[in-house]
Amino acid sequence: MRNIVTILIAFVLLSSCAGNNKRIYIMSKGPAQYDEAANTISAKDGKGHEEKIINISSAEVALKLNGPTGDAAISFKENGLYIINIKNDTIIGSKQNYVSPKLQKDIITQDELKIKIDSLHQLTEAKNISTANHNFFILPNQAIKITDNLEAIIVGPFHQMTTAERVDGKEPEVYRFYSIHEIRETISKLEGFTKVAIPNK
């Protein structure tokens, strides 16, 4: 009888854990350290881009961040997939179609180029950012819920992924993120194409 009660208790505990699933992508420069016992995440201002994924099965969890821009405390109540930015750089991203990417035009007009540049400028200023638009502006020491889908694909800054295959006939849910520094470099390059060369006399 005691064994049956023990099994039932274990089943209830497992069931409650199964209902509380949070997957968190930690984005940092240099390795981030996660102390599960202390519920803390720490990182220094290193080089390159690093990602660490942690899975939490609690109804609510509070994490303390210690990063290059200082300390912060973040609470997670809803289930889903999150990104924590513990860089000293803002991260910007959006949902992308990686199965049927739009074909890139060989020639782009000056008007189209200016529209693209203006759109990128608005992203760096956190304009037109909303969950409904599936785009995100994540400041340092901030966490944002990206989706309810724990199996969604996150493509971080500086990655070169351009396509993804269907799984069981379904298109994968993909989100692509850039550092604000990457976007500003792209703007600078595009603005170079808007300068009209003056022919030599």
N, C-alpha and C. Protein backbone atom coordinates (compact mmCIF):
# COMPACT_ATOMS: atom_id res chain seq x y z
N MET A 1 0.83 -1.21 0.00
CA MET A 1 0.00 0.00 0.00
C MET A 1 0.86 1.26 0.00
N ARG A 2 1.92 1.20 0.83
CA ARG A 2 2.83 2.35 0.93
C ARG A 2 3.49 2.62 -0.41
N ASN A 3 3.86 1.54 -1.13
CA ASN A 3 4.49 1.71 -2.45
C ASN A 3 3.55 2.37 -3.44
N ILE A 4 2.26 1.99 -3.37
CA ILE A 4 1.26 2.59 -4.27
C ILE A 4 1.12 4.08 -3.99
N VAL A 5 1.08 4.45 -2.71
CA VAL A 5 0.97 5.88 -2.33
C VAL A 5 2.19 6.65 -2.81
N THR A 6 3.37 6.06 -2.65
CA THR A 6 4.61 6.71 -3.10
C THR A 6 4.59 6.94 -4.60
N ILE A 7 4.12 5.94 -5.35
CA ILE A 7 4.05 6.07 -6.81
C ILE A 7 3.07 7.16 -7.21
N LEU A 8 1.93 7.22 -6.51
CA LEU A 8 0.92 8.24 -6.82
C LEU A 8 1.46 9.65 -6.55
N ILE A 9 2.17 9.82 -5.46
CA ILE A 9 2.75 11.13 -5.13
C ILE A 9 3.77 11.53 -6.18
N ALA A 10 4.61 10.58 -6.59
CA ALA A 10 5.61 10.86 -7.61
C ALA A 10 4.95 11.25 -8.93
N PHE A 11 3.84 10.56 -9.26
CA PHE A 11 3.12 10.85 -10.51
C PHE A 11 2.55 12.27 -10.47
N VAL A 12 1.98 12.67 -9.34
CA VAL A 12 1.41 14.01 -9.19
C VAL A 12 2.50 15.07 -9.33
N LEU A 13 3.64 14.82 -8.71
CA LEU A 13 4.74 15.77 -8.79
C LEU A 13 5.25 15.91 -10.21
N LEU A 14 5.38 14.78 -10.90
CA LEU A 14 5.84 14.81 -12.28
C LEU A 14 4.83 15.51 -13.17
N SER A 15 3.55 15.29 -12.92
CA SER A 15 2.50 15.92 -13.72
C SER A 15 2.51 17.42 -13.53
N SER A 16 2.73 17.89 -12.29
CA SER A 16 2.75 19.32 -12.02
C SER A 16 3.95 19.97 -12.67
N CYS A 17 5.09 19.25 -12.69
CA CYS A 17 6.29 19.78 -13.33
C CYS A 17 6.10 19.86 -14.84
N ALA A 18 5.42 18.83 -15.39
CA ALA A 18 5.22 18.79 -16.83
C ALA A 18 4.38 19.95 -17.31
N GLY A 19 3.53 20.50 -16.40
CA GLY A 19 2.68 21.62 -16.79
C GLY A 19 3.35 22.97 -16.67
N ASN A 20 4.57 23.01 -16.20
CA ASN A 20 5.29 24.27 -16.03
C ASN A 20 6.64 24.18 -16.73
N ASN A 21 6.64 24.58 -17.99
CA ASN A 21 7.85 24.45 -18.79
C ASN A 21 8.29 25.80 -19.34
N LYS A 22 9.51 26.16 -19.01
CA LYS A 22 10.09 27.40 -19.50
C LYS A 22 11.48 27.10 -20.08
N ARG A 23 11.69 27.48 -21.31
CA ARG A 23 13.00 27.32 -21.93
C ARG A 23 13.59 28.70 -22.13
N ILE A 24 14.80 28.90 -21.61
CA ILE A 24 15.40 30.23 -21.61
C ILE A 24 16.74 30.21 -22.34
N TYR A 25 16.84 31.05 -23.37
CA TYR A 25 18.10 31.25 -24.08
C TYR A 25 18.82 32.42 -23.42
N ILE A 26 20.02 32.15 -22.92
CA ILE A 26 20.83 33.22 -22.33
C ILE A 26 21.86 33.66 -23.37
N MET A 27 21.81 34.92 -23.76
CA MET A 27 22.74 35.45 -24.76
C MET A 27 23.73 36.37 -24.08
N SER A 28 25.01 36.10 -24.31
CA SER A 28 26.06 36.85 -23.62
C SER A 28 27.29 37.00 -24.51
N LYS A 29 28.21 37.84 -24.08
CA LYS A 29 29.54 37.92 -24.69
C LYS A 29 30.49 37.18 -23.77
N GLY A 30 31.04 36.10 -24.25
CA GLY A 30 31.79 35.24 -23.35
C GLY A 30 30.80 34.34 -22.62
N PRO A 31 31.27 33.25 -22.01
CA PRO A 31 30.39 32.28 -21.37
C PRO A 31 29.59 32.87 -20.21
N ALA A 32 28.33 32.48 -20.11
CA ALA A 32 27.49 32.85 -18.97
C ALA A 32 27.46 31.67 -17.99
N GLN A 33 27.43 31.97 -16.72
CA GLN A 33 27.39 30.95 -15.68
C GLN A 33 26.01 30.94 -15.02
N TYR A 34 25.39 29.75 -14.99
CA TYR A 34 24.08 29.62 -14.35
C TYR A 34 24.21 28.79 -13.08
N ASP A 35 23.87 29.40 -11.94
CA ASP A 35 23.89 28.71 -10.65
C ASP A 35 22.44 28.36 -10.31
N GLU A 36 22.08 27.10 -10.54
CA GLU A 36 20.70 26.68 -10.35
C GLU A 36 20.27 26.79 -8.89
N ALA A 37 21.16 26.47 -7.98
CA ALA A 37 20.82 26.49 -6.55
C ALA A 37 20.54 27.92 -6.08
N ALA A 38 21.33 28.87 -6.58
CA ALA A 38 21.18 30.26 -6.15
C ALA A 38 20.27 31.06 -7.09
N ASN A 39 19.84 30.44 -8.19
CA ASN A 39 19.02 31.13 -9.20
C ASN A 39 19.69 32.41 -9.70
N THR A 40 20.95 32.29 -10.04
CA THR A 40 21.68 33.45 -10.53
C THR A 40 22.34 33.14 -11.88
N ILE A 41 22.44 34.17 -12.71
CA ILE A 41 23.14 34.09 -13.99
C ILE A 41 24.16 35.21 -14.02
N SER A 42 25.40 34.86 -14.31
CA SER A 42 26.45 35.88 -14.33
C SER A 42 27.27 35.76 -15.61
N ALA A 43 27.76 36.89 -16.07
CA ALA A 43 28.60 36.91 -17.27
C ALA A 43 29.44 38.17 -17.27
N LYS A 44 30.61 38.06 -17.88
CA LYS A 44 31.48 39.22 -18.03
C LYS A 44 31.43 39.70 -19.47
N ASP A 45 32.04 40.84 -19.72
CA ASP A 45 32.04 41.40 -21.08
C ASP A 45 33.19 40.78 -21.86
N GLY A 46 32.93 39.60 -22.44
CA GLY A 46 33.98 38.91 -23.19
C GLY A 46 33.93 39.25 -24.66
N LYS A 47 34.34 38.29 -25.49
CA LYS A 47 34.35 38.49 -26.93
C LYS A 47 33.37 37.55 -27.60
N GLY A 48 32.92 37.94 -28.80
CA GLY A 48 32.04 37.07 -29.58
C GLY A 48 30.65 36.97 -29.01
N HIS A 49 29.96 35.92 -29.41
CA HIS A 49 28.57 35.70 -28.98
C HIS A 49 28.46 34.29 -28.41
N GLU A 50 27.85 34.20 -27.22
CA GLU A 50 27.66 32.90 -26.57
C GLU A 50 26.18 32.71 -26.26
N GLU A 51 25.74 31.45 -26.29
CA GLU A 51 24.37 31.12 -25.91
C GLU A 51 24.36 29.92 -24.97
N LYS A 52 23.51 29.99 -23.98
CA LYS A 52 23.30 28.87 -23.06
C LYS A 52 21.80 28.68 -22.92
N ILE A 53 21.34 27.44 -22.98
CA ILE A 53 19.91 27.15 -22.85
C ILE A 53 19.67 26.46 -21.52
N ILE A 54 18.70 26.98 -20.76
CA ILE A 54 18.31 26.33 -19.52
C ILE A 54 16.80 26.04 -19.57
N ASN A 55 16.40 24.94 -18.97
CA ASN A 55 15.00 24.56 -18.90
C ASN A 55 14.56 24.56 -17.45
N ILE A 56 13.43 25.21 -17.18
CA ILE A 56 12.94 25.34 -15.81
C ILE A 56 11.52 24.79 -15.73
N SER A 57 11.27 23.94 -14.75
CA SER A 57 9.95 23.34 -14.56
C SER A 57 9.36 23.81 -13.24
N SER A 58 9.08 25.10 -13.16
CA SER A 58 8.48 25.69 -11.96
C SER A 58 7.36 26.63 -12.38
N ALA A 59 6.35 26.75 -11.56
CA ALA A 59 5.24 27.64 -11.88
C ALA A 59 5.72 29.08 -11.98
N GLU A 60 6.65 29.44 -11.12
CA GLU A 60 7.22 30.79 -11.14
C GLU A 60 8.66 30.72 -10.65
N VAL A 61 9.53 31.45 -11.30
CA VAL A 61 10.93 31.47 -10.89
C VAL A 61 11.47 32.90 -11.02
N ALA A 62 12.31 33.28 -10.07
CA ALA A 62 12.96 34.59 -10.11
C ALA A 62 14.46 34.37 -10.25
N LEU A 63 15.06 35.01 -11.25
CA LEU A 63 16.49 34.88 -11.48
C LEU A 63 17.18 36.23 -11.24
N LYS A 64 18.37 36.15 -10.66
CA LYS A 64 19.18 37.35 -10.48
C LYS A 64 20.26 37.38 -11.55
N LEU A 65 20.42 38.52 -12.20
CA LEU A 65 21.42 38.67 -13.24
C LEU A 65 22.57 39.53 -12.75
N ASN A 66 23.77 39.12 -13.10
CA ASN A 66 24.96 39.91 -12.80
C ASN A 66 25.79 39.97 -14.08
N GLY A 67 25.69 41.09 -14.79
CA GLY A 67 26.35 41.21 -16.08
C GLY A 67 27.16 42.47 -16.22
N PRO A 68 27.67 42.74 -17.41
CA PRO A 68 28.52 43.91 -17.65
C PRO A 68 27.83 45.24 -17.37
N THR A 69 26.49 45.26 -17.46
CA THR A 69 25.77 46.53 -17.23
C THR A 69 25.20 46.63 -15.82
N GLY A 70 25.54 45.67 -14.94
CA GLY A 70 25.07 45.73 -13.56
C GLY A 70 24.19 44.56 -13.19
N ASP A 71 23.44 44.72 -12.10
CA ASP A 71 22.59 43.66 -11.57
C ASP A 71 21.13 43.91 -11.92
N ALA A 72 20.37 42.82 -11.98
CA ALA A 72 18.94 42.91 -12.24
C ALA A 72 18.26 41.66 -11.71
N ALA A 73 16.94 41.75 -11.50
CA ALA A 73 16.14 40.61 -11.07
C ALA A 73 14.97 40.45 -12.04
N ILE A 74 14.73 39.22 -12.49
CA ILE A 74 13.69 38.95 -13.47
C ILE A 74 12.85 37.78 -12.99
N SER A 75 11.52 37.93 -13.10
CA SER A 75 10.60 36.85 -12.74
C SER A 75 9.96 36.26 -13.98
N PHE A 76 9.77 34.95 -13.97
CA PHE A 76 9.15 34.23 -15.07
C PHE A 76 7.92 33.51 -14.53
N LYS A 77 6.75 33.90 -15.01
CA LYS A 77 5.50 33.28 -14.55
C LYS A 77 4.87 32.41 -15.64
N GLU A 78 4.83 32.94 -16.87
CA GLU A 78 4.19 32.21 -17.97
C GLU A 78 5.12 31.15 -18.53
N ASN A 79 4.56 30.06 -18.99
CA ASN A 79 5.34 29.05 -19.70
C ASN A 79 5.69 29.58 -21.08
N GLY A 80 6.75 29.03 -21.67
CA GLY A 80 7.12 29.45 -23.01
C GLY A 80 8.62 29.56 -23.17
N LEU A 81 9.01 30.10 -24.32
CA LEU A 81 10.42 30.26 -24.66
C LEU A 81 10.82 31.72 -24.49
N TYR A 82 11.90 31.95 -23.78
CA TYR A 82 12.36 33.31 -23.46
C TYR A 82 13.80 33.52 -23.95
N ILE A 83 14.16 34.79 -24.07
CA ILE A 83 15.55 35.18 -24.28
C ILE A 83 15.94 36.14 -23.17
N ILE A 84 17.08 35.85 -22.54
CA ILE A 84 17.69 36.80 -21.59
C ILE A 84 18.89 37.42 -22.28
N ASN A 85 18.95 38.74 -22.28
CA ASN A 85 20.09 39.45 -22.84
C ASN A 85 20.98 39.91 -21.68
N ILE A 86 22.14 39.26 -21.55
CA ILE A 86 23.08 39.66 -20.50
C ILE A 86 24.35 40.24 -21.12
N LYS A 87 24.18 40.72 -22.38
CA LYS A 87 25.26 41.45 -23.05
C LYS A 87 25.24 42.91 -22.60
N ASN A 88 26.21 43.68 -23.09
CA ASN A 88 26.16 45.13 -22.91
C ASN A 88 25.69 45.78 -24.22
N ASP A 89 24.88 45.03 -24.98
CA ASP A 89 24.44 45.44 -26.31
C ASP A 89 22.99 45.03 -26.48
N THR A 90 22.18 45.88 -27.09
CA THR A 90 20.77 45.55 -27.34
C THR A 90 20.66 44.49 -28.43
N ILE A 91 19.69 43.58 -28.28
CA ILE A 91 19.44 42.52 -29.25
C ILE A 91 18.09 42.79 -29.91
N ILE A 92 18.04 42.73 -31.24
CA ILE A 92 16.82 43.00 -32.00
C ILE A 92 16.54 41.82 -32.91
N GLY A 93 15.28 41.39 -33.00
CA GLY A 93 14.98 40.26 -33.87
C GLY A 93 13.52 40.17 -34.23
N SER A 94 13.20 39.18 -35.07
CA SER A 94 11.83 38.99 -35.53
C SER A 94 11.64 37.58 -36.04
N LYS A 95 10.38 37.21 -36.24
CA LYS A 95 10.05 35.92 -36.82
C LYS A 95 10.36 35.94 -38.31
N GLN A 96 10.96 34.86 -38.81
CA GLN A 96 11.39 34.81 -40.20
C GLN A 96 10.90 33.54 -40.88
N ASN A 97 10.71 33.62 -42.19
CA ASN A 97 10.36 32.46 -43.00
C ASN A 97 11.65 31.87 -43.56
N TYR A 98 12.08 30.75 -43.00
CA TYR A 98 13.33 30.13 -43.43
C TYR A 98 13.11 28.97 -44.39
N VAL A 99 11.84 28.55 -44.55
CA VAL A 99 11.56 27.45 -45.47
C VAL A 99 11.45 27.96 -46.90
N SER A 100 10.75 29.06 -47.08
CA SER A 100 10.58 29.66 -48.41
C SER A 100 11.04 31.11 -48.37
N PRO A 101 12.34 31.34 -48.21
CA PRO A 101 12.83 32.71 -48.14
C PRO A 101 12.55 33.46 -49.43
N LYS A 102 12.30 34.77 -49.28
CA LYS A 102 12.06 35.58 -50.46
C LYS A 102 13.32 35.66 -51.31
N LEU A 103 13.13 35.59 -52.62
CA LEU A 103 14.28 35.67 -53.51
C LEU A 103 14.85 37.09 -53.49
N GLN A 104 16.14 37.19 -53.33
CA GLN A 104 16.79 38.49 -53.30
C GLN A 104 16.91 39.05 -54.71
N LYS A 105 16.52 40.29 -54.86
CA LYS A 105 16.59 40.92 -56.17
C LYS A 105 18.03 41.28 -56.51
N ASP A 106 18.37 41.10 -57.78
CA ASP A 106 19.71 41.48 -58.23
C ASP A 106 19.87 42.99 -58.24
N ILE A 107 18.77 43.68 -58.52
CA ILE A 107 18.81 45.14 -58.61
C ILE A 107 17.76 45.71 -57.66
N ILE A 108 18.15 46.69 -56.87
CA ILE A 108 17.23 47.36 -55.96
C ILE A 108 17.27 48.85 -56.27
N THR A 109 16.10 49.45 -56.34
CA THR A 109 16.03 50.88 -56.68
C THR A 109 16.45 51.72 -55.49
N GLN A 110 16.77 52.96 -55.76
CA GLN A 110 17.16 53.89 -54.69
C GLN A 110 16.00 54.09 -53.71
N ASP A 111 14.77 54.14 -54.22
CA ASP A 111 13.61 54.31 -53.33
C ASP A 111 13.45 53.10 -52.42
N GLU A 112 13.61 51.89 -52.97
CA GLU A 112 13.51 50.67 -52.16
C GLU A 112 14.63 50.62 -51.12
N LEU A 113 15.80 51.07 -51.50
CA LEU A 113 16.94 51.10 -50.59
C LEU A 113 16.68 52.05 -49.42
N LYS A 114 16.12 53.21 -49.72
CA LYS A 114 15.84 54.20 -48.67
C LYS A 114 14.76 53.69 -47.72
N ILE A 115 13.77 52.96 -48.26
CA ILE A 115 12.73 52.39 -47.41
C ILE A 115 13.33 51.36 -46.46
N LYS A 116 14.23 50.51 -46.97
CA LYS A 116 14.89 49.50 -46.15
C LYS A 116 15.73 50.15 -45.05
N ILE A 117 16.46 51.18 -45.41
CA ILE A 117 17.30 51.89 -44.43
C ILE A 117 16.42 52.52 -43.35
N ASP A 118 15.31 53.14 -43.78
CA ASP A 118 14.40 53.78 -42.81
C ASP A 118 13.82 52.73 -41.86
N SER A 119 13.48 51.55 -42.40
CA SER A 119 12.92 50.48 -41.58
C SER A 119 13.94 50.00 -40.54
N LEU A 120 15.20 49.89 -40.94
CA LEU A 120 16.25 49.46 -40.01
C LEU A 120 16.49 50.53 -38.94
N HIS A 121 16.44 51.81 -39.34
CA HIS A 121 16.59 52.90 -38.37
C HIS A 121 15.49 52.82 -37.32
N GLN A 122 14.26 52.53 -37.76
CA GLN A 122 13.15 52.44 -36.82
C GLN A 122 13.34 51.29 -35.84
N LEU A 123 13.91 50.18 -36.32
CA LEU A 123 14.18 49.06 -35.41
C LEU A 123 15.17 49.46 -34.33
N THR A 124 16.22 50.19 -34.70
CA THR A 124 17.23 50.59 -33.71
C THR A 124 16.66 51.58 -32.70
N GLU A 125 15.54 52.21 -33.05
CA GLU A 125 14.89 53.16 -32.15
C GLU A 125 13.68 52.54 -31.45
N ALA A 126 13.53 51.22 -31.58
CA ALA A 126 12.44 50.47 -30.94
C ALA A 126 11.07 50.92 -31.42
N LYS A 127 10.98 51.37 -32.67
CA LYS A 127 9.69 51.77 -33.24
C LYS A 127 9.08 50.58 -33.98
N ASN A 128 7.74 50.53 -33.98
CA ASN A 128 7.00 49.44 -34.62
C ASN A 128 7.33 48.07 -34.03
N ILE A 129 7.76 48.05 -32.77
CA ILE A 129 8.07 46.80 -32.08
C ILE A 129 6.83 46.36 -31.30
N SER A 130 6.37 45.13 -31.55
CA SER A 130 5.23 44.61 -30.80
C SER A 130 5.17 43.10 -30.95
N THR A 131 4.53 42.47 -29.98
CA THR A 131 4.36 41.02 -30.04
C THR A 131 3.52 40.63 -31.26
N ALA A 132 2.53 41.47 -31.58
CA ALA A 132 1.68 41.20 -32.74
C ALA A 132 2.48 41.19 -34.04
N ASN A 133 3.52 42.02 -34.10
CA ASN A 133 4.39 42.07 -35.29
C ASN A 133 5.48 41.01 -35.26
N HIS A 134 5.52 40.25 -34.17
CA HIS A 134 6.53 39.19 -34.00
C HIS A 134 7.95 39.76 -34.10
N ASN A 135 8.18 40.96 -33.56
CA ASN A 135 9.54 41.48 -33.50
C ASN A 135 9.84 41.94 -32.07
N PHE A 136 11.13 41.99 -31.75
CA PHE A 136 11.54 42.13 -30.36
C PHE A 136 12.75 43.05 -30.23
N PHE A 137 12.75 43.84 -29.15
CA PHE A 137 13.82 44.78 -28.85
C PHE A 137 14.22 44.49 -27.41
N ILE A 138 15.36 43.79 -27.22
CA ILE A 138 15.74 43.30 -25.89
C ILE A 138 16.95 44.08 -25.37
N LEU A 139 16.71 44.89 -24.38
CA LEU A 139 17.78 45.69 -23.78
C LEU A 139 18.68 44.82 -22.90
N PRO A 140 19.88 45.30 -22.57
CA PRO A 140 20.73 44.56 -21.63
C PRO A 140 20.02 44.31 -20.30
N ASN A 141 20.27 43.15 -19.72
CA ASN A 141 19.66 42.75 -18.44
C ASN A 141 18.14 42.69 -18.51
N GLN A 142 17.64 42.33 -19.69
CA GLN A 142 16.19 42.20 -19.87
C GLN A 142 15.86 40.82 -20.43
N ALA A 143 14.69 40.31 -20.07
CA ALA A 143 14.20 39.04 -20.63
C ALA A 143 12.86 39.28 -21.28
N ILE A 144 12.63 38.64 -22.43
CA ILE A 144 11.37 38.78 -23.15
C ILE A 144 10.89 37.41 -23.60
N LYS A 145 9.58 37.18 -23.42
CA LYS A 145 9.00 35.94 -23.93
C LYS A 145 8.85 36.04 -25.44
N ILE A 146 9.33 35.03 -26.15
CA ILE A 146 9.31 35.03 -27.60
C ILE A 146 8.09 34.29 -28.14
N THR A 147 7.79 33.12 -27.57
CA THR A 147 6.70 32.29 -28.08
C THR A 147 6.30 31.24 -27.05
N ASP A 148 5.11 30.69 -27.22
CA ASP A 148 4.68 29.56 -26.37
C ASP A 148 5.35 28.26 -26.80
N ASN A 149 5.87 28.23 -28.02
CA ASN A 149 6.44 27.02 -28.60
C ASN A 149 7.88 26.80 -28.12
N LEU A 150 8.07 25.84 -27.26
CA LEU A 150 9.41 25.58 -26.71
C LEU A 150 10.36 25.04 -27.77
N GLU A 151 9.81 24.48 -28.86
CA GLU A 151 10.65 23.90 -29.90
C GLU A 151 10.96 24.90 -31.03
N ALA A 152 10.58 26.14 -30.88
CA ALA A 152 10.89 27.15 -31.89
C ALA A 152 12.41 27.28 -32.01
N ILE A 153 12.87 27.65 -33.20
CA ILE A 153 14.31 27.78 -33.47
C ILE A 153 14.73 29.23 -33.26
N ILE A 154 15.76 29.43 -32.47
CA ILE A 154 16.31 30.76 -32.23
C ILE A 154 17.66 30.85 -32.94
N VAL A 155 17.78 31.80 -33.85
CA VAL A 155 19.04 32.04 -34.56
C VAL A 155 19.64 33.32 -34.00
N GLY A 156 20.74 33.18 -33.28
CA GLY A 156 21.32 34.31 -32.57
C GLY A 156 22.20 35.20 -33.44
N PRO A 157 22.67 36.31 -32.89
CA PRO A 157 23.55 37.23 -33.61
C PRO A 157 24.78 36.52 -34.18
N PHE A 158 25.18 36.97 -35.36
CA PHE A 158 26.40 36.52 -36.05
C PHE A 158 26.28 35.11 -36.63
N HIS A 159 25.13 34.46 -36.50
CA HIS A 159 24.95 33.15 -37.12
C HIS A 159 24.64 33.31 -38.60
N GLN A 160 24.96 32.28 -39.38
CA GLN A 160 24.82 32.36 -40.83
C GLN A 160 23.68 31.49 -41.37
N MET A 161 22.81 31.01 -40.52
CA MET A 161 21.71 30.15 -40.97
C MET A 161 20.79 30.93 -41.91
N THR A 162 20.44 30.32 -43.04
CA THR A 162 19.57 31.00 -44.02
C THR A 162 18.34 30.18 -44.41
N THR A 163 18.36 28.86 -44.19
CA THR A 163 17.22 28.03 -44.55
C THR A 163 16.96 26.98 -43.46
N ALA A 164 15.74 26.46 -43.46
CA ALA A 164 15.37 25.39 -42.53
C ALA A 164 14.37 24.48 -43.23
N GLU A 165 14.42 23.20 -42.92
CA GLU A 165 13.55 22.22 -43.55
C GLU A 165 12.27 22.01 -42.74
N ARG A 166 11.22 21.62 -43.45
CA ARG A 166 9.97 21.26 -42.77
C ARG A 166 10.18 19.99 -41.95
N VAL A 167 9.49 19.91 -40.83
CA VAL A 167 9.54 18.73 -39.97
C VAL A 167 8.14 18.14 -39.91
N ASP A 168 8.02 16.89 -40.37
CA ASP A 168 6.71 16.23 -40.44
C ASP A 168 5.71 17.06 -41.24
N GLY A 169 6.21 17.72 -42.29
CA GLY A 169 5.35 18.51 -43.15
C GLY A 169 5.02 19.89 -42.64
N LYS A 170 5.52 20.25 -41.46
CA LYS A 170 5.22 21.55 -40.86
C LYS A 170 6.43 22.49 -40.98
N GLU A 171 6.13 23.76 -41.23
CA GLU A 171 7.20 24.75 -41.28
C GLU A 171 7.69 25.05 -39.87
N PRO A 172 8.99 25.08 -39.66
CA PRO A 172 9.51 25.40 -38.32
C PRO A 172 9.25 26.86 -37.96
N GLU A 173 9.10 27.10 -36.69
CA GLU A 173 8.93 28.47 -36.19
C GLU A 173 10.33 29.02 -35.88
N VAL A 174 10.76 30.01 -36.66
CA VAL A 174 12.14 30.49 -36.57
C VAL A 174 12.15 31.99 -36.24
N TYR A 175 13.03 32.37 -35.32
CA TYR A 175 13.23 33.77 -34.96
C TYR A 175 14.71 34.11 -35.13
N ARG A 176 14.97 35.19 -35.85
CA ARG A 176 16.35 35.61 -36.14
C ARG A 176 16.66 36.87 -35.36
N PHE A 177 17.81 36.87 -34.66
CA PHE A 177 18.19 38.01 -33.82
C PHE A 177 19.56 38.56 -34.23
N TYR A 178 19.69 39.87 -34.08
CA TYR A 178 20.94 40.59 -34.39
C TYR A 178 21.28 41.49 -33.20
N SER A 179 22.56 41.77 -33.06
CA SER A 179 22.93 42.82 -32.11
C SER A 179 22.65 44.16 -32.78
N ILE A 180 22.38 45.17 -32.00
CA ILE A 180 22.11 46.49 -32.57
C ILE A 180 23.34 47.01 -33.33
N HIS A 181 24.51 46.55 -32.91
CA HIS A 181 25.75 46.92 -33.59
C HIS A 181 25.76 46.36 -35.01
N GLU A 182 25.30 45.10 -35.18
CA GLU A 182 25.21 44.50 -36.52
C GLU A 182 24.28 45.31 -37.42
N ILE A 183 23.13 45.70 -36.88
CA ILE A 183 22.16 46.44 -37.68
C ILE A 183 22.70 47.80 -38.08
N ARG A 184 23.41 48.46 -37.18
CA ARG A 184 23.98 49.77 -37.51
C ARG A 184 25.06 49.64 -38.59
N GLU A 185 25.82 48.54 -38.55
CA GLU A 185 26.80 48.30 -39.60
C GLU A 185 26.11 48.08 -40.95
N THR A 186 24.98 47.35 -40.94
CA THR A 186 24.22 47.12 -42.16
C THR A 186 23.69 48.44 -42.71
N ILE A 187 23.19 49.29 -41.82
CA ILE A 187 22.68 50.61 -42.25
C ILE A 187 23.79 51.41 -42.92
N SER A 188 24.97 51.38 -42.30
CA SER A 188 26.10 52.13 -42.85
C SER A 188 26.47 51.64 -44.25
N LYS A 189 26.46 50.32 -44.44
CA LYS A 189 26.78 49.75 -45.75
C LYS A 189 25.74 50.14 -46.79
N LEU A 190 24.46 50.05 -46.40
CA LEU A 190 23.39 50.38 -47.33
C LEU A 190 23.41 51.86 -47.70
N GLU A 191 23.72 52.69 -46.70
CA GLU A 191 23.79 54.13 -46.98
C GLU A 191 24.89 54.45 -47.97
N GLY A 192 25.92 53.60 -48.00
CA GLY A 192 27.00 53.79 -48.97
C GLY A 192 26.51 53.62 -50.40
N PHE A 193 25.47 52.79 -50.59
CA PHE A 193 24.92 52.55 -51.92
C PHE A 193 23.99 53.67 -52.37
N THR A 194 23.63 54.55 -51.44
CA THR A 194 22.72 55.65 -51.82
C THR A 194 23.49 56.86 -52.34
N LYS A 195 24.79 56.83 -52.21
CA LYS A 195 25.60 57.97 -52.66
C LYS A 195 25.84 57.86 -54.17
N VAL A 196 25.39 58.85 -54.86
CA VAL A 196 25.51 58.86 -56.31
C VAL A 196 26.89 59.36 -56.70
N ALA A 197 27.57 58.56 -57.51
CA ALA A 197 28.92 58.95 -57.94
C ALA A 197 28.83 60.10 -58.95
N ILE A 198 29.71 61.09 -58.81
CA ILE A 198 29.76 62.23 -59.73
C ILE A 198 30.80 61.92 -60.80
N PRO A 199 30.40 61.89 -62.09
CA PRO A 199 31.33 61.53 -63.15
C PRO A 199 32.46 62.56 -63.29
N ASN A 200 33.65 62.08 -63.64
CA ASN A 200 34.78 62.98 -63.84
C ASN A 200 34.56 63.84 -65.08
N LYS A 201 34.90 65.11 -64.97
CA LYS A 201 34.77 66.01 -66.12
C LYS A 201 36.02 65.93 -66.99
